[in-house]
Amino acid sequence: MLEINKSYVLDKDQKPIAVQIPIAEFEKIEEILEDYGLGKLIEEVENDQILDKEKTWQYCPHIL
C-alpha cells in the first residue's frame, strides 16, 4: 500500500477542511489512477470487434 504523508489544514474552529501531501506523492497517486483507468478501458474493449485497415480509414480519414 502507498504510504501518504499528509498534513491536515484546519479552519478557525480547528475542524479539518483540507489535506496537503507532497507533490511526489500526489504525482504517484495520479499515475496509479491513470493506470487503473487505462486497465479498466482495456477490459471494456477487450472483446470488441477489430477493424481492418479499410474500415479504420473510413472511421478516421484525417489521421494522415
N, C-alpha and C. Protein backbone atom coordinates (compact mmCIF):
# COMPACT_ATOMS: atom_id res chain seq x y z
N MET A 1 0.84 -1.18 0.00
CA MET A 1 0.00 0.00 0.00
C MET A 1 0.88 1.25 0.00
N LEU A 2 0.46 2.24 -0.72
CA LEU A 2 1.20 3.50 -0.81
C LEU A 2 1.07 4.28 0.50
N GLU A 3 2.20 4.65 1.07
CA GLU A 3 2.17 5.46 2.28
C GLU A 3 2.05 6.92 1.87
N ILE A 4 1.08 7.61 2.46
CA ILE A 4 0.86 9.02 2.13
C ILE A 4 1.16 9.86 3.37
N ASN A 5 2.13 10.76 3.24
CA ASN A 5 2.47 11.69 4.31
C ASN A 5 1.58 12.91 4.16
N LYS A 6 0.61 13.03 5.03
CA LYS A 6 -0.36 14.11 4.88
C LYS A 6 -0.34 15.06 6.06
N SER A 7 -0.70 16.30 5.77
CA SER A 7 -0.87 17.33 6.80
C SER A 7 -2.29 17.88 6.65
N TYR A 8 -2.99 17.97 7.76
CA TYR A 8 -4.35 18.48 7.71
C TYR A 8 -4.36 20.00 7.81
N VAL A 9 -5.24 20.63 7.05
CA VAL A 9 -5.46 22.06 7.12
C VAL A 9 -6.75 22.25 7.92
N LEU A 10 -6.68 23.07 8.96
CA LEU A 10 -7.82 23.26 9.85
C LEU A 10 -8.43 24.65 9.67
N ASP A 11 -9.73 24.73 9.90
CA ASP A 11 -10.38 26.04 9.86
C ASP A 11 -10.23 26.72 11.23
N LYS A 12 -10.87 27.87 11.39
CA LYS A 12 -10.72 28.62 12.65
C LYS A 12 -11.27 27.89 13.86
N ASP A 13 -12.15 26.90 13.61
CA ASP A 13 -12.70 26.09 14.71
C ASP A 13 -11.94 24.78 14.90
N GLN A 14 -10.79 24.70 14.26
CA GLN A 14 -9.93 23.51 14.35
C GLN A 14 -10.56 22.26 13.74
N LYS A 15 -11.45 22.47 12.77
CA LYS A 15 -12.04 21.34 12.05
C LYS A 15 -11.25 21.15 10.75
N PRO A 16 -10.92 19.91 10.41
CA PRO A 16 -10.16 19.68 9.18
C PRO A 16 -10.99 20.04 7.94
N ILE A 17 -10.36 20.81 7.04
CA ILE A 17 -11.06 21.22 5.82
C ILE A 17 -10.30 20.81 4.55
N ALA A 18 -9.05 20.41 4.70
CA ALA A 18 -8.25 20.03 3.54
C ALA A 18 -7.06 19.20 4.00
N VAL A 19 -6.39 18.61 3.02
CA VAL A 19 -5.20 17.81 3.29
C VAL A 19 -4.10 18.25 2.32
N GLN A 20 -2.89 18.40 2.82
CA GLN A 20 -1.72 18.68 1.99
C GLN A 20 -0.87 17.42 1.93
N ILE A 21 -0.38 17.12 0.70
CA ILE A 21 0.54 15.99 0.54
C ILE A 21 1.70 16.45 -0.33
N PRO A 22 2.86 15.82 -0.19
CA PRO A 22 4.00 16.18 -1.04
C PRO A 22 3.67 15.94 -2.52
N ILE A 23 4.20 16.79 -3.37
CA ILE A 23 3.91 16.72 -4.81
C ILE A 23 4.31 15.37 -5.39
N ALA A 24 5.40 14.80 -4.94
CA ALA A 24 5.83 13.49 -5.46
C ALA A 24 4.79 12.42 -5.16
N GLU A 25 4.19 12.48 -3.98
CA GLU A 25 3.16 11.51 -3.63
C GLU A 25 1.88 11.75 -4.44
N PHE A 26 1.54 13.03 -4.65
CA PHE A 26 0.40 13.37 -5.49
C PHE A 26 0.59 12.83 -6.90
N GLU A 27 1.78 13.02 -7.46
CA GLU A 27 2.06 12.52 -8.81
C GLU A 27 1.98 11.00 -8.87
N LYS A 28 2.41 10.32 -7.82
CA LYS A 28 2.32 8.86 -7.76
C LYS A 28 0.85 8.42 -7.73
N ILE A 29 0.03 9.13 -6.97
CA ILE A 29 -1.40 8.83 -6.92
C ILE A 29 -2.03 9.02 -8.30
N GLU A 30 -1.67 10.12 -8.98
CA GLU A 30 -2.17 10.35 -10.33
C GLU A 30 -1.80 9.21 -11.26
N GLU A 31 -0.56 8.77 -11.19
CA GLU A 31 -0.07 7.67 -12.04
C GLU A 31 -0.86 6.38 -11.76
N ILE A 32 -1.08 6.09 -10.50
CA ILE A 32 -1.83 4.89 -10.12
C ILE A 32 -3.25 4.96 -10.67
N LEU A 33 -3.90 6.12 -10.53
CA LEU A 33 -5.27 6.28 -11.03
C LEU A 33 -5.34 6.17 -12.55
N GLU A 34 -4.37 6.76 -13.25
CA GLU A 34 -4.34 6.66 -14.71
C GLU A 34 -4.15 5.21 -15.15
N ASP A 35 -3.24 4.51 -14.51
CA ASP A 35 -3.01 3.10 -14.84
C ASP A 35 -4.26 2.27 -14.61
N TYR A 36 -4.94 2.54 -13.50
CA TYR A 36 -6.18 1.82 -13.19
C TYR A 36 -7.24 2.10 -14.26
N GLY A 37 -7.40 3.38 -14.60
CA GLY A 37 -8.38 3.77 -15.61
C GLY A 37 -8.08 3.15 -16.97
N LEU A 38 -6.81 3.15 -17.36
CA LEU A 38 -6.44 2.54 -18.63
C LEU A 38 -6.69 1.04 -18.61
N GLY A 39 -6.41 0.40 -17.48
CA GLY A 39 -6.68 -1.03 -17.35
C GLY A 39 -8.16 -1.34 -17.49
N LYS A 40 -9.01 -0.51 -16.88
CA LYS A 40 -10.46 -0.70 -16.99
C LYS A 40 -10.92 -0.50 -18.43
N LEU A 41 -10.36 0.49 -19.12
CA LEU A 41 -10.71 0.73 -20.51
C LEU A 41 -10.32 -0.45 -21.38
N ILE A 42 -9.14 -0.99 -21.15
CA ILE A 42 -8.68 -2.16 -21.91
C ILE A 42 -9.63 -3.33 -21.68
N GLU A 43 -10.06 -3.53 -20.43
CA GLU A 43 -11.01 -4.61 -20.14
C GLU A 43 -12.33 -4.40 -20.87
N GLU A 44 -12.80 -3.14 -20.94
CA GLU A 44 -14.07 -2.84 -21.59
C GLU A 44 -14.06 -3.17 -23.08
N VAL A 45 -12.94 -2.92 -23.75
CA VAL A 45 -12.89 -3.09 -25.20
C VAL A 45 -12.22 -4.39 -25.62
N GLU A 46 -11.89 -5.22 -24.64
CA GLU A 46 -11.16 -6.46 -24.90
C GLU A 46 -11.85 -7.35 -25.93
N ASN A 47 -13.16 -7.41 -25.90
CA ASN A 47 -13.90 -8.29 -26.81
C ASN A 47 -14.53 -7.56 -27.98
N ASP A 48 -14.20 -6.28 -28.14
CA ASP A 48 -14.74 -5.51 -29.27
C ASP A 48 -14.18 -6.02 -30.59
N GLN A 49 -14.94 -5.77 -31.64
CA GLN A 49 -14.50 -6.16 -32.98
C GLN A 49 -13.30 -5.30 -33.39
N ILE A 50 -12.33 -5.93 -34.00
CA ILE A 50 -11.15 -5.22 -34.50
C ILE A 50 -11.41 -4.84 -35.95
N LEU A 51 -11.19 -3.57 -36.27
CA LEU A 51 -11.42 -3.09 -37.63
C LEU A 51 -10.24 -3.43 -38.53
N ASP A 52 -10.56 -3.77 -39.77
CA ASP A 52 -9.49 -3.97 -40.73
C ASP A 52 -9.03 -2.60 -41.23
N LYS A 53 -8.01 -2.57 -42.05
CA LYS A 53 -7.40 -1.31 -42.50
C LYS A 53 -8.41 -0.42 -43.22
N GLU A 54 -9.20 -0.99 -44.10
CA GLU A 54 -10.16 -0.19 -44.88
C GLU A 54 -11.22 0.45 -43.98
N LYS A 55 -11.76 -0.31 -43.05
CA LYS A 55 -12.78 0.24 -42.15
C LYS A 55 -12.17 1.29 -41.22
N THR A 56 -10.92 1.10 -40.85
CA THR A 56 -10.26 2.09 -40.00
C THR A 56 -10.17 3.42 -40.71
N TRP A 57 -9.81 3.42 -41.99
CA TRP A 57 -9.71 4.66 -42.76
C TRP A 57 -11.07 5.32 -42.91
N GLN A 58 -12.14 4.53 -42.98
CA GLN A 58 -13.49 5.10 -43.07
C GLN A 58 -13.84 5.87 -41.80
N TYR A 59 -13.43 5.35 -40.65
CA TYR A 59 -13.73 6.00 -39.37
C TYR A 59 -12.76 7.13 -39.05
N CYS A 60 -11.54 7.04 -39.53
CA CYS A 60 -10.51 8.02 -39.18
C CYS A 60 -9.75 8.51 -40.41
N PRO A 61 -10.42 9.13 -41.37
CA PRO A 61 -9.73 9.55 -42.60
C PRO A 61 -8.72 10.68 -42.38
N HIS A 62 -8.83 11.39 -41.29
CA HIS A 62 -7.98 12.56 -41.03
C HIS A 62 -6.62 12.22 -40.40
N ILE A 63 -6.35 10.96 -40.16
CA ILE A 63 -5.11 10.57 -39.45
C ILE A 63 -3.87 10.97 -40.23
N LEU A 64 -3.82 10.71 -41.50
CA LEU A 64 -2.64 11.10 -42.27
C LEU A 64 -2.90 12.34 -43.00
